Amino acid sequence: MKENTWKDRAAGAVARRLADARSDRGDVPGWVLITLMSAGLVAVLWAVAEPALSNLFDSAIESVTGN
């Protein structure tokens, strides 16, 4: 029975790390999708809330300036 040397253990660790790195590559499109969906959700909410926010801002400015 051959004893595992540090070189064998290091080579095994490198091989496992490379295999793990290959399995993570499918995650990038998921993050892109989450980012795009978040941006779309913000755009929709902004479009819906913009008139109310505009009115709120205008009334706040009018109350401060006294116009």
PDB file of N, CA and C in Angstrom:
ATOM      1  N   MET A   1       0.842  -1.180   0.000  1.00  0.00           N
ATOM      2  CA  MET A   1       0.000   0.000   0.000  1.00  0.00           C
ATOM      3  C   MET A   1       0.884   1.239   0.000  1.00  0.00           C
ATOM      4  N   LYS A   2       0.628   2.114  -0.960  1.00  0.00           N
ATOM      5  CA  LYS A   2       1.429   3.319  -1.106  1.00  0.00           C
ATOM      6  C   LYS A   2       0.874   4.425  -0.209  1.00  0.00           C
ATOM      7  N   GLU A   3       1.776   5.101   0.499  1.00  0.00           N
ATOM      8  CA  GLU A   3       1.372   6.190   1.373  1.00  0.00           C
ATOM      9  C   GLU A   3       1.199   7.456   0.538  1.00  0.00           C
ATOM     10  N   ASN A   4       0.141   8.223   0.828  1.00  0.00           N
ATOM     11  CA  ASN A   4      -0.085   9.481   0.111  1.00  0.00           C
ATOM     12  C   ASN A   4       0.936  10.514   0.539  1.00  0.00           C
ATOM     13  N   THR A   5       1.618  11.062  -0.435  1.00  0.00           N
ATOM     14  CA  THR A   5       2.590  12.106  -0.143  1.00  0.00           C
ATOM     15  C   THR A   5       1.889  13.458  -0.172  1.00  0.00           C
ATOM     16  N   TRP A   6       2.571  14.476   0.263  1.00  0.00           N
ATOM     17  CA  TRP A   6       1.978  15.808   0.240  1.00  0.00           C
ATOM     18  C   TRP A   6       1.681  16.256  -1.180  1.00  0.00           C
ATOM     19  N   LYS A   7       2.479  15.768  -2.149  1.00  0.00           N
ATOM     20  CA  LYS A   7       2.233  16.120  -3.552  1.00  0.00           C
ATOM     21  C   LYS A   7       0.929  15.506  -4.031  1.00  0.00           C
ATOM     22  N   ASP A   8       0.679  14.257  -3.642  1.00  0.00           N
ATOM     23  CA  ASP A   8      -0.578  13.599  -4.021  1.00  0.00           C
ATOM     24  C   ASP A   8      -1.774  14.317  -3.399  1.00  0.00           C
ATOM     25  N   ARG A   9      -1.648  14.697  -2.130  1.00  0.00           N
ATOM     26  CA  ARG A   9      -2.743  15.395  -1.454  1.00  0.00           C
ATOM     27  C   ARG A   9      -2.977  16.772  -2.078  1.00  0.00           C
ATOM     28  N   ALA A  10      -1.898  17.459  -2.427  1.00  0.00           N
ATOM     29  CA  ALA A  10      -2.024  18.778  -3.060  1.00  0.00           C
ATOM     30  C   ALA A  10      -2.671  18.657  -4.427  1.00  0.00           C
ATOM     31  N   ALA A  11      -2.268  17.665  -5.187  1.00  0.00           N
ATOM     32  CA  ALA A  11      -2.857  17.462  -6.510  1.00  0.00           C
ATOM     33  C   ALA A  11      -4.344  17.141  -6.388  1.00  0.00           C
ATOM     34  N   GLY A  12      -4.691  16.345  -5.392  1.00  0.00           N
ATOM     35  CA  GLY A  12      -6.105  16.027  -5.169  1.00  0.00           C
ATOM     36  C   GLY A  12      -6.901  17.259  -4.778  1.00  0.00           C
ATOM     37  N   ALA A  13      -6.319  18.110  -3.930  1.00  0.00           N
ATOM     38  CA  ALA A  13      -6.998  19.328  -3.510  1.00  0.00           C
ATOM     39  C   ALA A  13      -7.208  20.264  -4.695  1.00  0.00           C
ATOM     40  N   VAL A  14      -6.197  20.381  -5.543  1.00  0.00           N
ATOM     41  CA  VAL A  14      -6.320  21.234  -6.731  1.00  0.00           C
ATOM     42  C   VAL A  14      -7.399  20.686  -7.666  1.00  0.00           C
ATOM     43  N   ALA A  15      -7.412  19.382  -7.858  1.00  0.00           N
ATOM     44  CA  ALA A  15      -8.418  18.766  -8.736  1.00  0.00           C
ATOM     45  C   ALA A  15      -9.825  18.990  -8.184  1.00  0.00           C
ATOM     46  N   ARG A  16     -10.006  18.867  -6.869  1.00  0.00           N
ATOM     47  CA  ARG A  16     -11.331  19.101  -6.264  1.00  0.00           C
ATOM     48  C   ARG A  16     -11.737  20.561  -6.421  1.00  0.00           C
ATOM     49  N   ARG A  17     -10.778  21.476  -6.244  1.00  0.00           N
ATOM     50  CA  ARG A  17     -11.078  22.902  -6.373  1.00  0.00           C
ATOM     51  C   ARG A  17     -11.474  23.247  -7.803  1.00  0.00           C
ATOM     52  N   LEU A  18     -10.795  22.685  -8.771  1.00  0.00           N
ATOM     53  CA  LEU A  18     -11.144  22.937 -10.174  1.00  0.00           C
ATOM     54  C   LEU A  18     -12.520  22.370 -10.503  1.00  0.00           C
ATOM     55  N   ALA A  19     -12.840  21.203  -9.960  1.00  0.00           N
ATOM     56  CA  ALA A  19     -14.157  20.622 -10.188  1.00  0.00           C
ATOM     57  C   ALA A  19     -15.246  21.495  -9.567  1.00  0.00           C
ATOM     58  N   ASP A  20     -14.984  22.040  -8.373  1.00  0.00           N
ATOM     59  CA  ASP A  20     -15.947  22.938  -7.731  1.00  0.00           C
ATOM     60  C   ASP A  20     -16.126  24.209  -8.543  1.00  0.00           C
ATOM     61  N   ALA A  21     -15.045  24.757  -9.076  1.00  0.00           N
ATOM     62  CA  ALA A  21     -15.122  25.990  -9.861  1.00  0.00           C
ATOM     63  C   ALA A  21     -15.958  25.773 -11.116  1.00  0.00           C
ATOM     64  N   ARG A  22     -15.820  24.617 -11.739  1.00  0.00           N
ATOM     65  CA  ARG A  22     -16.613  24.333 -12.930  1.00  0.00           C
ATOM     66  C   ARG A  22     -18.095  24.234 -12.598  1.00  0.00           C
ATOM     67  N   SER A  23     -18.436  23.712 -11.432  1.00  0.00           N
ATOM     68  CA  SER A  23     -19.843  23.548 -11.081  1.00  0.00           C
ATOM     69  C   SER A  23     -20.492  24.886 -10.722  1.00  0.00           C
ATOM     70  N   ASP A  24     -19.715  25.925 -10.389  1.00  0.00           N
ATOM     71  CA  ASP A  24     -20.270  27.227 -10.027  1.00  0.00           C
ATOM     72  C   ASP A  24     -20.547  28.107 -11.241  1.00  0.00           C
ATOM     73  N   ARG A  25     -20.110  27.722 -12.382  1.00  0.00           N
ATOM     74  CA  ARG A  25     -20.245  28.594 -13.553  1.00  0.00           C
ATOM     75  C   ARG A  25     -21.689  28.849 -13.945  1.00  0.00           C
ATOM     76  N   GLY A  26     -22.620  27.981 -13.614  1.00  0.00           N
ATOM     77  CA  GLY A  26     -24.021  28.173 -13.961  1.00  0.00           C
ATOM     78  C   GLY A  26     -24.704  29.239 -13.136  1.00  0.00           C
ATOM     79  N   ASP A  27     -24.049  29.737 -12.090  1.00  0.00           N
ATOM     80  CA  ASP A  27     -24.658  30.728 -11.218  1.00  0.00           C
ATOM     81  C   ASP A  27     -24.703  32.130 -11.814  1.00  0.00           C
ATOM     82  N   VAL A  28     -23.809  32.467 -12.707  1.00  0.00           N
ATOM     83  CA  VAL A  28     -23.742  33.827 -13.231  1.00  0.00           C
ATOM     84  C   VAL A  28     -25.034  34.232 -13.921  1.00  0.00           C
ATOM     85  N   PRO A  29     -25.621  33.439 -14.794  1.00  0.00           N
ATOM     86  CA  PRO A  29     -26.889  33.854 -15.391  1.00  0.00           C
ATOM     87  C   PRO A  29     -27.999  34.056 -14.361  1.00  0.00           C
ATOM     88  N   GLY A  30     -27.972  33.311 -13.278  1.00  0.00           N
ATOM     89  CA  GLY A  30     -28.957  33.513 -12.229  1.00  0.00           C
ATOM     90  C   GLY A  30     -28.821  34.885 -11.597  1.00  0.00           C
ATOM     91  N   TRP A  31     -27.587  35.324 -11.337  1.00  0.00           N
ATOM     92  CA  TRP A  31     -27.372  36.648 -10.764  1.00  0.00           C
ATOM     93  C   TRP A  31     -27.765  37.738 -11.747  1.00  0.00           C
ATOM     94  N   VAL A  32     -27.496  37.507 -13.022  1.00  0.00           N
ATOM     95  CA  VAL A  32     -27.893  38.488 -14.040  1.00  0.00           C
ATOM     96  C   VAL A  32     -29.407  38.606 -14.067  1.00  0.00           C
ATOM     97  N   LEU A  33     -30.099  37.481 -14.002  1.00  0.00           N
ATOM     98  CA  LEU A  33     -31.562  37.491 -14.017  1.00  0.00           C
ATOM     99  C   LEU A  33     -32.112  38.213 -12.788  1.00  0.00           C
ATOM    100  N   ILE A  34     -31.554  37.955 -11.628  1.00  0.00           N
ATOM    101  CA  ILE A  34     -32.006  38.626 -10.408  1.00  0.00           C
ATOM    102  C   ILE A  34     -31.799  40.127 -10.516  1.00  0.00           C
ATOM    103  N   THR A  35     -30.650  40.542 -11.050  1.00  0.00           N
ATOM    104  CA  THR A  35     -30.367  41.964 -11.198  1.00  0.00           C
ATOM    105  C   THR A  35     -31.342  42.626 -12.160  1.00  0.00           C
ATOM    106  N   LEU A  36     -31.590  41.986 -13.294  1.00  0.00           N
ATOM    107  CA  LEU A  36     -32.529  42.554 -14.272  1.00  0.00           C
ATOM    108  C   LEU A  36     -33.946  42.606 -13.722  1.00  0.00           C
ATOM    109  N   MET A  37     -34.358  41.572 -13.012  1.00  0.00           N
ATOM    110  CA  MET A  37     -35.701  41.568 -12.438  1.00  0.00           C
ATOM    111  C   MET A  37     -35.838  42.654 -11.368  1.00  0.00           C
ATOM    112  N   SER A  38     -34.798  42.852 -10.578  1.00  0.00           N
ATOM    113  CA  SER A  38     -34.830  43.906  -9.561  1.00  0.00           C
ATOM    114  C   SER A  38     -34.929  45.280 -10.207  1.00  0.00           C
ATOM    115  N   ALA A  39     -34.150  45.498 -11.250  1.00  0.00           N
ATOM    116  CA  ALA A  39     -34.193  46.779 -11.953  1.00  0.00           C
ATOM    117  C   ALA A  39     -35.569  46.996 -12.576  1.00  0.00           C
ATOM    118  N   GLY A  40     -36.155  45.955 -13.144  1.00  0.00           N
ATOM    119  CA  GLY A  40     -37.498  46.065 -13.713  1.00  0.00           C
ATOM    120  C   GLY A  40     -38.541  46.377 -12.655  1.00  0.00           C
ATOM    121  N   LEU A  41     -38.421  45.741 -11.497  1.00  0.00           N
ATOM    122  CA  LEU A  41     -39.358  45.992 -10.404  1.00  0.00           C
ATOM    123  C   LEU A  41     -39.251  47.437  -9.914  1.00  0.00           C
ATOM    124  N   VAL A  42     -38.039  47.945  -9.794  1.00  0.00           N
ATOM    125  CA  VAL A  42     -37.843  49.338  -9.385  1.00  0.00           C
ATOM    126  C   VAL A  42     -38.439  50.286 -10.420  1.00  0.00           C
ATOM    127  N   ALA A  43     -38.247  49.996 -11.698  1.00  0.00           N
ATOM    128  CA  ALA A  43     -38.795  50.854 -12.758  1.00  0.00           C
ATOM    129  C   ALA A  43     -40.323  50.879 -12.717  1.00  0.00           C
ATOM    130  N   VAL A  44     -40.937  49.724 -12.508  1.00  0.00           N
ATOM    131  CA  VAL A  44     -42.410  49.659 -12.440  1.00  0.00           C
ATOM    132  C   VAL A  44     -42.912  50.409 -11.212  1.00  0.00           C
ATOM    133  N   LEU A  45     -42.289  50.179 -10.061  1.00  0.00           N
ATOM    134  CA  LEU A  45     -42.713  50.885  -8.845  1.00  0.00           C
ATOM    135  C   LEU A  45     -42.526  52.389  -8.980  1.00  0.00           C
ATOM    136  N   TRP A  46     -41.426  52.787  -9.587  1.00  0.00           N
ATOM    137  CA  TRP A  46     -41.178  54.221  -9.781  1.00  0.00           C
ATOM    138  C   TRP A  46     -42.237  54.828 -10.694  1.00  0.00           C
ATOM    139  N   ALA A  47     -42.605  54.133 -11.766  1.00  0.00           N
ATOM    140  CA  ALA A  47     -43.619  54.642 -12.693  1.00  0.00           C
ATOM    141  C   ALA A  47     -44.964  54.796 -11.995  1.00  0.00           C
ATOM    142  N   VAL A  48     -45.290  53.881 -11.105  1.00  0.00           N
ATOM    143  CA  VAL A  48     -46.564  53.943 -10.394  1.00  0.00           C
ATOM    144  C   VAL A  48     -46.531  55.031  -9.318  1.00  0.00           C
ATOM    145  N   ALA A  49     -45.433  55.143  -8.599  1.00  0.00           N
ATOM    146  CA  ALA A  49     -45.358  56.053  -7.459  1.00  0.00           C
ATOM    147  C   ALA A  49     -44.908  57.464  -7.821  1.00  0.00           C
ATOM    148  N   GLU A  50     -44.417  57.681  -9.011  1.00  0.00           N
ATOM    149  CA  GLU A  50     -43.846  58.977  -9.387  1.00  0.00           C
ATOM    150  C   GLU A  50     -44.826  60.138  -9.227  1.00  0.00           C
ATOM    151  N   PRO A  51     -46.076  60.038  -9.671  1.00  0.00           N
ATOM    152  CA  PRO A  51     -46.983  61.181  -9.481  1.00  0.00           C
ATOM    153  C   PRO A  51     -47.207  61.517  -7.998  1.00  0.00           C
ATOM    154  N   ALA A  52     -47.389  60.515  -7.178  1.00  0.00           N
ATOM    155  CA  ALA A  52     -47.606  60.763  -5.754  1.00  0.00           C
ATOM    156  C   ALA A  52     -46.355  61.362  -5.112  1.00  0.00           C
ATOM    157  N   LEU A  53     -45.184  60.857  -5.477  1.00  0.00           N
ATOM    158  CA  LEU A  53     -43.945  61.401  -4.927  1.00  0.00           C
ATOM    159  C   LEU A  53     -43.713  62.836  -5.391  1.00  0.00           C
ATOM    160  N   SER A  54     -44.062  63.114  -6.630  1.00  0.00           N
ATOM    161  CA  SER A  54     -43.923  64.468  -7.169  1.00  0.00           C
ATOM    162  C   SER A  54     -44.823  65.433  -6.408  1.00  0.00           C
ATOM    163  N   ASN A  55     -46.069  65.030  -6.185  1.00  0.00           N
ATOM    164  CA  ASN A  55     -46.997  65.882  -5.442  1.00  0.00           C
ATOM    165  C   ASN A  55     -46.526  66.087  -4.004  1.00  0.00           C
ATOM    166  N   LEU A  56     -46.024  65.043  -3.387  1.00  0.00           N
ATOM    167  CA  LEU A  56     -45.518  65.142  -2.021  1.00  0.00           C
ATOM    168  C   LEU A  56     -44.340  66.113  -1.949  1.00  0.00           C
ATOM    169  N   PHE A  57     -43.435  66.011  -2.898  1.00  0.00           N
ATOM    170  CA  PHE A  57     -42.281  66.908  -2.941  1.00  0.00           C
ATOM    171  C   PHE A  57     -42.718  68.356  -3.164  1.00  0.00           C
ATOM    172  N   ASP A  58     -43.627  68.554  -4.125  1.00  0.00           N
ATOM    173  CA  ASP A  58     -44.102  69.917  -4.411  1.00  0.00           C
ATOM    174  C   ASP A  58     -44.782  70.533  -3.192  1.00  0.00           C
ATOM    175  N   SER A  59     -45.613  69.765  -2.495  1.00  0.00           N
ATOM    176  CA  SER A  59     -46.297  70.318  -1.327  1.00  0.00           C
ATOM    177  C   SER A  59     -45.307  70.598  -0.194  1.00  0.00           C
ATOM    178  N   ALA A  60     -44.276  69.776  -0.054  1.00  0.00           N
ATOM    179  CA  ALA A  60     -43.265  70.028   0.971  1.00  0.00           C
ATOM    180  C   ALA A  60     -42.495  71.306   0.663  1.00  0.00           C
ATOM    181  N   ILE A  61     -42.137  71.512  -0.584  1.00  0.00           N
ATOM    182  CA  ILE A  61     -41.415  72.724  -0.980  1.00  0.00           C
ATOM    183  C   ILE A  61     -42.303  73.952  -0.783  1.00  0.00           C
ATOM    184  N   GLU A  62     -43.592  73.840  -1.140  1.00  0.00           N
ATOM    185  CA  GLU A  62     -44.505  74.966  -0.968  1.00  0.00           C
ATOM    186  C   GLU A  62     -44.677  75.319   0.516  1.00  0.00           C
ATOM    187  N   SER A  63     -44.723  74.308   1.376  1.00  0.00           N
ATOM    188  CA  SER A  63     -44.890  74.587   2.794  1.00  0.00           C
ATOM    189  C   SER A  63     -43.640  75.251   3.388  1.00  0.00           C
ATOM    190  N   VAL A  64     -42.490  74.945   2.847  1.00  0.00           N
ATOM    191  CA  VAL A  64     -41.251  75.556   3.344  1.00  0.00           C
ATOM    192  C   VAL A  64     -41.097  76.988   2.826  1.00  0.00           C
ATOM    193  N   THR A  65     -41.385  77.185   1.539  1.00  0.00           N
ATOM    194  CA  THR A  65     -41.196  78.518   0.936  1.00  0.00           C
ATOM    195  C   THR A  65     -42.385  79.444   1.189  1.00  0.00           C
ATOM    196  N   GLY A  66     -43.539  78.893   1.537  1.00  0.00           N
ATOM    197  CA  GLY A  66     -44.714  79.721   1.810  1.00  0.00           C
ATOM    198  C   GLY A  66     -45.459  80.153   0.568  1.00  0.00           C
ATOM    199  N   ASN A  67     -45.231  79.508  -0.561  1.00  0.00           N
ATOM    200  CA  ASN A  67     -45.950  79.858  -1.819  1.00  0.00           C
ATOM    201  C   ASN A  67     -47.240  79.124  -1.948  1.00  0.00           C
TER     202      ASN A  67
END
